[in-house]
Protein backbone atom coordinates (compact mmCIF):
# COMPACT_ATOMS: atom_id res chain seq x y z
CA MET A 1 0.63 -48.22 -30.66
CA LYS A 2 1.63 -45.12 -32.60
CA TYR A 3 -0.91 -42.96 -30.71
CA PRO A 4 0.90 -43.11 -27.27
CA ILE A 5 4.23 -42.37 -28.95
CA VAL A 6 2.78 -39.28 -30.66
CA LEU A 7 1.41 -38.04 -27.31
CA LEU A 8 4.80 -38.55 -25.70
CA ILE A 9 6.54 -36.57 -28.43
CA VAL A 10 3.98 -33.73 -28.22
CA ALA A 11 4.35 -33.60 -24.42
CA CYS A 12 8.15 -33.41 -24.74
CA VAL A 13 7.92 -30.61 -27.30
CA ILE A 14 5.48 -28.61 -25.19
CA THR A 15 7.49 -28.92 -21.98
CA SER A 16 10.82 -28.23 -23.65
CA CYS A 17 9.50 -25.01 -25.24
CA SER A 18 7.80 -23.59 -22.18
CA GLU A 19 9.30 -20.78 -20.14
CA ASP A 20 9.87 -21.01 -16.43
CA VAL A 21 6.87 -19.55 -14.68
CA GLU A 22 7.86 -16.92 -12.16
CA VAL A 23 5.33 -16.61 -9.37
CA LYS A 24 4.89 -13.00 -8.29
CA PRO A 25 2.90 -12.38 -5.13
CA PHE A 26 -0.04 -10.01 -5.40
CA THR A 27 1.13 -6.60 -4.22
CA TYR A 28 -1.94 -4.37 -4.61
CA SER A 29 -2.07 -3.97 -0.86
CA LYS A 30 1.25 -2.08 -1.04
CA VAL A 31 -0.81 0.86 -2.30
CA PHE A 32 -2.22 1.02 1.24
CA THR A 33 0.98 0.15 3.12
CA GLY A 34 3.97 1.15 1.02
CA GLU A 35 6.96 -1.16 1.43
CA ASN A 36 6.80 -1.06 5.24
CA GLU A 37 4.19 1.43 6.39
CA LYS A 38 2.15 4.25 4.96
CA THR A 39 0.20 6.99 6.70
CA TRP A 40 -2.99 8.60 5.42
CA ILE A 41 -5.26 11.42 6.55
CA ILE A 42 -8.92 11.99 5.71
CA GLU A 43 -9.31 14.88 3.28
CA GLN A 44 -13.08 14.82 3.04
CA ILE A 45 -16.20 12.78 3.68
CA ALA A 46 -19.16 13.14 1.36
CA VAL A 47 -22.70 11.85 1.68
CA LYS A 48 -23.89 10.89 -1.77
CA LYS A 49 -27.60 10.55 -2.36
CA GLN A 50 -28.83 9.60 -5.80
CA GLY A 51 -30.45 12.57 -7.54
CA THR A 52 -29.11 15.23 -5.13
CA PRO A 53 -25.82 17.15 -4.86
CA ASP A 54 -23.19 15.65 -2.59
CA GLN A 55 -23.14 16.90 1.00
CA TYR A 56 -19.80 17.19 2.80
CA PHE A 57 -19.10 16.57 6.47
CA GLN A 58 -17.43 19.44 8.24
CA LEU A 59 -14.63 17.64 10.05
CA ASP A 60 -13.16 19.26 13.16
CA LEU A 61 -9.50 20.20 12.87
CA CYS A 62 -8.65 17.49 15.41
CA GLU A 63 -10.33 14.89 13.14
CA ARG A 64 -8.66 16.16 9.97
CA ASP A 65 -5.16 15.59 11.28
CA ASP A 66 -5.69 12.03 12.60
CA ARG A 67 -3.17 9.63 11.09
CA TYR A 68 -4.22 6.23 9.68
CA THR A 69 -1.08 4.12 9.40
CA PHE A 70 -1.19 0.79 7.55
CA PHE A 71 1.67 -1.65 8.11
CA ALA A 72 2.93 -4.17 5.56
CA ASN A 73 3.52 -6.87 8.17
CA GLU A 74 2.06 -10.35 8.50
CA GLU A 75 -0.46 -9.16 11.06
CA ARG A 76 -1.69 -6.39 8.72
CA ALA A 77 -1.74 -4.01 11.63
CA TYR A 78 -2.93 -0.45 11.46
CA THR A 79 -3.09 2.35 13.96
CA ILE A 80 -5.02 5.57 14.21
CA SER A 81 -3.21 8.31 16.04
CA ASN A 82 -3.75 11.95 16.81
CA GLY A 83 -1.90 14.54 14.84
CA ALA A 84 -0.92 17.83 16.43
CA LEU A 85 -4.47 18.37 17.71
CA LYS A 86 -6.30 16.02 20.05
CA CYS A 87 -10.09 15.99 20.16
CA PHE A 88 -10.00 15.19 23.90
CA SER A 89 -7.27 16.29 26.28
CA ASP A 90 -6.99 12.85 27.93
CA GLU A 91 -6.75 10.98 24.60
CA GLU A 92 -3.78 8.73 23.94
CA ASP A 93 -1.52 9.58 20.98
CA VAL A 94 -2.42 6.23 19.39
CA TYR A 95 -6.10 5.65 20.06
CA VAL A 96 -6.81 2.65 17.80
CA GLU A 97 -4.66 -0.42 17.22
CA HIS A 98 -6.28 -3.06 15.06
CA THR A 99 -5.80 -5.12 11.92
CA TRP A 100 -6.94 -4.34 8.40
CA SER A 101 -7.92 -6.74 5.65
CA PHE A 102 -8.44 -6.39 1.92
CA VAL A 103 -10.60 -8.69 -0.19
CA ASN A 104 -9.57 -8.31 -3.80
CA ALA A 105 -12.68 -9.97 -5.29
CA GLY A 106 -14.92 -7.10 -4.19
CA ALA A 107 -12.20 -4.47 -3.64
CA VAL A 108 -13.23 -4.32 0.03
CA LEU A 109 -10.99 -2.79 2.68
CA ASN A 110 -12.08 -3.64 6.23
CA ILE A 111 -11.08 -0.93 8.71
CA ALA A 112 -12.56 1.24 11.45
CA ILE A 113 -12.99 5.00 11.17
CA PRO A 114 -14.09 5.62 14.76
CA ARG A 115 -14.75 9.35 14.69
CA VAL A 116 -17.33 8.82 11.93
CA PHE A 117 -18.59 5.22 12.14
CA GLY A 118 -17.88 4.31 15.77
CA ASN A 119 -15.49 1.62 16.94
CA PHE A 120 -16.65 -0.91 14.37
CA VAL A 121 -14.70 -2.43 11.50
CA VAL A 122 -16.55 -1.43 8.35
CA PRO A 123 -16.28 -3.02 4.87
CA PHE A 124 -15.43 -0.11 2.56
CA ILE A 125 -15.37 -0.53 -1.20
CA VAL A 126 -12.11 0.86 -2.60
CA THR A 127 -13.23 2.93 -5.58
CA LYS A 128 -9.82 4.52 -6.16
CA ALA A 129 -6.36 3.68 -4.88
CA THR A 130 -3.24 5.39 -6.11
CA LYS A 131 0.09 6.07 -4.48
CA THR A 132 -1.22 9.38 -3.10
CA GLU A 133 -5.01 9.07 -2.91
CA MET A 134 -7.52 6.50 -1.73
CA VAL A 135 -11.30 6.75 -2.03
CA LEU A 136 -13.47 4.45 0.07
CA GLU A 137 -17.24 4.08 -0.15
CA ILE A 138 -19.91 2.35 1.88
CA PHE A 139 -23.60 2.23 1.05
CA ALA A 140 -26.09 3.24 3.72
CA ASN A 141 -29.19 1.55 2.34
CA ALA A 142 -30.18 -1.69 0.62
CA GLU A 143 -31.03 0.09 -2.64
CA ASN A 144 -27.47 1.50 -2.87
CA THR A 145 -28.78 5.02 -3.44
CA ILE A 146 -27.12 6.61 -0.41
CA SER A 147 -23.44 6.23 0.38
CA TYR A 148 -20.58 7.72 2.35
CA GLU A 149 -17.44 8.45 0.38
CA ILE A 150 -14.18 8.96 2.27
CA THR A 151 -11.26 10.53 0.42
CA MET A 152 -7.87 9.95 2.02
CA LYS A 153 -4.47 11.42 1.15
CA SER A 154 -1.11 9.80 1.76
CA ILE A 155 1.18 11.97 3.91
CA SER A 156 4.17 9.68 4.50
CA GLU A 157 5.62 6.36 3.43
CA LYS A 158 8.46 4.24 4.79
């Protein structure tokens, strides 16, 4: 009979001494979006092949000023728009409207980079993400010896 009373006393002591747990939502995605929206440009794209020096894509000026804007809304929308230079004269200012997703377990950001990878959503591994720089990588072969590394720079945040 004393055993249940001891358990009751221990339970009361544990619950009376515990702090209120404050649930904080995971906010890593705000690195991509800022509080409301954040715009990035591609600084460089490298092809990395194990055992050889990195090779860099020569991006056209019209590709270098494209704006990748990530929104911190429920839809997780993002747009890709032309900067001052359009690659094609008949191109819309905003030429991609889609959604992005981030899977924390594998640090995978799913987006399209149409001028390089076509109009397909690609699962990029986020190898670096700071307030001003983001580095994405995707492997091109099953052995993981060849990859594309995209370095992006933040240019505005709202």
